[in-house]
Amino acid sequence: MTMDAWKKKRMIAAVTAVYRYLRSQEEQQLAMAAVSRPVSAPAVGAVSLWSASGRQAGMEMRRLLQMRIMR
């Protein structure tokens, strides 16, 4: 290889390294921004009380049946 080819390869490697470093810094900043962003709570009307109480009753019945089987 000629000296120009070595210089070109070294320049490409250096530019690639700088690009990757800057890209990783940018990704890290975006990740930190996403972590620091508060998570919004679901709307009050999103879960109906009727379905929640039915689910809870079903889970309680299953637990009681499981306890009965274990005895």
N, C-alpha and C. Protein backbone atom coordinates (compact mmCIF):
# COMPACT_ATOMS: atom_id res chain seq x y z
N MET A 1 0.83 -1.19 0.00
CA MET A 1 0.00 0.00 0.00
C MET A 1 0.87 1.24 0.00
N THR A 2 0.38 2.24 -0.63
CA THR A 2 1.13 3.48 -0.68
C THR A 2 0.82 4.30 0.57
N MET A 3 1.57 5.32 0.76
CA MET A 3 1.41 6.18 1.92
C MET A 3 0.05 6.90 1.88
N ASP A 4 -0.39 7.25 0.68
CA ASP A 4 -1.68 7.92 0.55
C ASP A 4 -2.82 7.01 0.97
N ALA A 5 -2.71 5.74 0.63
CA ALA A 5 -3.75 4.77 1.02
C ALA A 5 -3.81 4.64 2.54
N TRP A 6 -2.63 4.59 3.19
CA TRP A 6 -2.59 4.51 4.66
C TRP A 6 -3.21 5.75 5.28
N LYS A 7 -2.87 6.91 4.74
CA LYS A 7 -3.43 8.15 5.28
C LYS A 7 -4.95 8.18 5.12
N LYS A 8 -5.41 7.72 3.97
CA LYS A 8 -6.85 7.70 3.72
C LYS A 8 -7.55 6.75 4.68
N LYS A 9 -6.99 5.56 4.90
CA LYS A 9 -7.58 4.60 5.83
C LYS A 9 -7.58 5.14 7.25
N ARG A 10 -6.48 5.77 7.65
CA ARG A 10 -6.40 6.34 9.00
C ARG A 10 -7.41 7.46 9.17
N MET A 11 -7.58 8.28 8.15
CA MET A 11 -8.53 9.38 8.21
C MET A 11 -9.96 8.84 8.32
N ILE A 12 -10.27 7.82 7.54
CA ILE A 12 -11.60 7.21 7.60
C ILE A 12 -11.84 6.60 8.97
N ALA A 13 -10.84 5.94 9.53
CA ALA A 13 -10.97 5.34 10.86
C ALA A 13 -11.18 6.41 11.93
N ALA A 14 -10.46 7.51 11.82
CA ALA A 14 -10.60 8.59 12.80
C ALA A 14 -11.98 9.24 12.71
N VAL A 15 -12.42 9.51 11.51
CA VAL A 15 -13.74 10.13 11.32
C VAL A 15 -14.84 9.18 11.83
N THR A 16 -14.71 7.89 11.54
CA THR A 16 -15.68 6.91 12.00
C THR A 16 -15.71 6.84 13.53
N ALA A 17 -14.54 6.88 14.14
CA ALA A 17 -14.48 6.84 15.60
C ALA A 17 -15.16 8.06 16.22
N VAL A 18 -14.91 9.23 15.67
CA VAL A 18 -15.53 10.45 16.18
C VAL A 18 -17.04 10.40 15.98
N TYR A 19 -17.47 9.94 14.82
CA TYR A 19 -18.89 9.84 14.53
C TYR A 19 -19.58 8.89 15.51
N ARG A 20 -18.97 7.73 15.76
CA ARG A 20 -19.55 6.77 16.70
C ARG A 20 -19.60 7.35 18.12
N TYR A 21 -18.56 8.06 18.51
CA TYR A 21 -18.54 8.67 19.84
C TYR A 21 -19.66 9.70 19.98
N LEU A 22 -19.80 10.57 18.98
CA LEU A 22 -20.85 11.58 19.04
C LEU A 22 -22.23 10.93 19.02
N ARG A 23 -22.37 9.89 18.24
CA ARG A 23 -23.66 9.18 18.16
C ARG A 23 -24.00 8.54 19.50
N SER A 24 -23.02 7.93 20.18
CA SER A 24 -23.28 7.31 21.48
C SER A 24 -23.64 8.37 22.53
N GLN A 25 -22.99 9.53 22.46
CA GLN A 25 -23.32 10.60 23.39
C GLN A 25 -24.75 11.10 23.17
N GLU A 26 -25.13 11.21 21.90
CA GLU A 26 -26.48 11.66 21.58
C GLU A 26 -27.52 10.64 22.07
N GLU A 27 -27.25 9.35 21.87
CA GLU A 27 -28.17 8.31 22.33
C GLU A 27 -28.27 8.31 23.85
N GLN A 28 -27.15 8.54 24.51
CA GLN A 28 -27.15 8.59 25.97
C GLN A 28 -27.99 9.77 26.47
N GLN A 29 -27.87 10.91 25.83
CA GLN A 29 -28.67 12.07 26.23
C GLN A 29 -30.15 11.81 26.00
N LEU A 30 -30.50 11.17 24.89
CA LEU A 30 -31.90 10.86 24.63
C LEU A 30 -32.44 9.87 25.66
N ALA A 31 -31.62 8.90 26.05
CA ALA A 31 -32.06 7.93 27.05
C ALA A 31 -32.26 8.61 28.41
N MET A 32 -31.37 9.51 28.75
CA MET A 32 -31.50 10.22 30.03
C MET A 32 -32.74 11.12 30.02
N ALA A 33 -33.03 11.73 28.88
CA ALA A 33 -34.21 12.58 28.78
C ALA A 33 -35.48 11.74 28.90
N ALA A 34 -35.46 10.54 28.33
CA ALA A 34 -36.63 9.67 28.41
C ALA A 34 -36.86 9.18 29.83
N VAL A 35 -35.77 8.93 30.56
CA VAL A 35 -35.89 8.46 31.95
C VAL A 35 -36.40 9.58 32.84
N SER A 36 -35.95 10.80 32.60
CA SER A 36 -36.33 11.91 33.48
C SER A 36 -37.73 12.44 33.18
N ARG A 37 -38.29 12.05 32.04
CA ARG A 37 -39.63 12.51 31.69
C ARG A 37 -40.65 11.79 32.57
N PRO A 38 -41.55 12.54 33.25
CA PRO A 38 -42.53 11.89 34.12
C PRO A 38 -43.54 11.08 33.31
N VAL A 39 -43.93 9.96 33.88
CA VAL A 39 -44.90 9.10 33.24
C VAL A 39 -46.29 9.59 33.64
N SER A 40 -47.12 9.82 32.66
CA SER A 40 -48.46 10.32 32.96
C SER A 40 -49.34 9.17 33.42
N ALA A 41 -50.18 9.46 34.38
CA ALA A 41 -51.12 8.46 34.90
C ALA A 41 -52.27 8.32 33.92
N PRO A 42 -52.86 7.13 33.86
CA PRO A 42 -53.99 6.97 32.96
C PRO A 42 -55.17 7.81 33.43
N ALA A 43 -56.03 8.13 32.51
CA ALA A 43 -57.20 8.93 32.84
C ALA A 43 -58.07 8.19 33.85
N VAL A 44 -58.79 8.95 34.67
CA VAL A 44 -59.61 8.35 35.72
C VAL A 44 -60.66 7.44 35.13
N GLY A 45 -61.25 7.81 34.03
CA GLY A 45 -62.31 7.03 33.42
C GLY A 45 -61.80 5.90 32.55
N ALA A 46 -60.47 5.67 32.48
CA ALA A 46 -59.92 4.66 31.59
C ALA A 46 -60.31 3.25 32.03
N VAL A 47 -60.38 3.01 33.34
CA VAL A 47 -60.73 1.69 33.86
C VAL A 47 -62.08 1.81 34.55
N SER A 48 -63.02 1.03 34.10
CA SER A 48 -64.33 1.13 34.73
C SER A 48 -64.34 0.34 36.03
N LEU A 49 -65.01 0.88 37.01
CA LEU A 49 -65.07 0.22 38.31
C LEU A 49 -65.82 -1.10 38.22
N TRP A 50 -66.76 -1.18 37.31
CA TRP A 50 -67.55 -2.39 37.14
C TRP A 50 -66.65 -3.56 36.71
N SER A 51 -65.82 -3.33 35.73
CA SER A 51 -64.94 -4.40 35.26
C SER A 51 -63.85 -4.72 36.28
N ALA A 52 -63.38 -3.71 36.99
CA ALA A 52 -62.35 -3.94 38.00
C ALA A 52 -62.90 -4.78 39.15
N SER A 53 -64.11 -4.50 39.59
CA SER A 53 -64.67 -5.28 40.69
C SER A 53 -64.99 -6.70 40.23
N GLY A 54 -65.43 -6.87 38.98
CA GLY A 54 -65.68 -8.21 38.46
C GLY A 54 -64.40 -9.02 38.37
N ARG A 55 -63.33 -8.39 37.94
CA ARG A 55 -62.03 -9.08 37.86
C ARG A 55 -61.57 -9.47 39.25
N GLN A 56 -61.71 -8.57 40.20
CA GLN A 56 -61.28 -8.86 41.56
C GLN A 56 -62.11 -10.01 42.15
N ALA A 57 -63.39 -10.03 41.89
CA ALA A 57 -64.24 -11.11 42.40
C ALA A 57 -63.83 -12.44 41.77
N GLY A 58 -63.53 -12.43 40.48
CA GLY A 58 -63.08 -13.65 39.82
C GLY A 58 -61.77 -14.16 40.38
N MET A 59 -60.84 -13.26 40.64
CA MET A 59 -59.55 -13.67 41.20
C MET A 59 -59.73 -14.24 42.61
N GLU A 60 -60.62 -13.61 43.38
CA GLU A 60 -60.87 -14.10 44.73
C GLU A 60 -61.49 -15.49 44.70
N MET A 61 -62.42 -15.73 43.79
CA MET A 61 -63.05 -17.04 43.65
C MET A 61 -62.01 -18.09 43.26
N ARG A 62 -61.13 -17.74 42.36
CA ARG A 62 -60.07 -18.68 41.95
C ARG A 62 -59.15 -19.00 43.11
N ARG A 63 -58.84 -18.01 43.90
CA ARG A 63 -57.98 -18.25 45.06
C ARG A 63 -58.67 -19.17 46.06
N LEU A 64 -59.95 -18.96 46.28
CA LEU A 64 -60.68 -19.81 47.20
C LEU A 64 -60.75 -21.25 46.69
N LEU A 65 -60.97 -21.41 45.37
CA LEU A 65 -61.00 -22.75 44.80
C LEU A 65 -59.63 -23.43 44.91
N GLN A 66 -58.57 -22.68 44.71
CA GLN A 66 -57.23 -23.25 44.83
C GLN A 66 -56.95 -23.68 46.26
N MET A 67 -57.39 -22.89 47.21
CA MET A 67 -57.18 -23.25 48.62
C MET A 67 -57.97 -24.51 48.96
N ARG A 68 -59.15 -24.65 48.42
CA ARG A 68 -59.99 -25.81 48.68
C ARG A 68 -59.36 -27.08 48.12
N ILE A 69 -58.74 -26.94 46.92
CA ILE A 69 -58.10 -28.09 46.29
C ILE A 69 -56.88 -28.52 47.09
N MET A 70 -56.18 -27.59 47.69
CA MET A 70 -54.96 -27.92 48.42
C MET A 70 -55.26 -28.67 49.72
N ARG A 71 -56.43 -28.55 50.28
CA ARG A 71 -56.73 -29.22 51.55
C ARG A 71 -57.01 -30.65 51.38
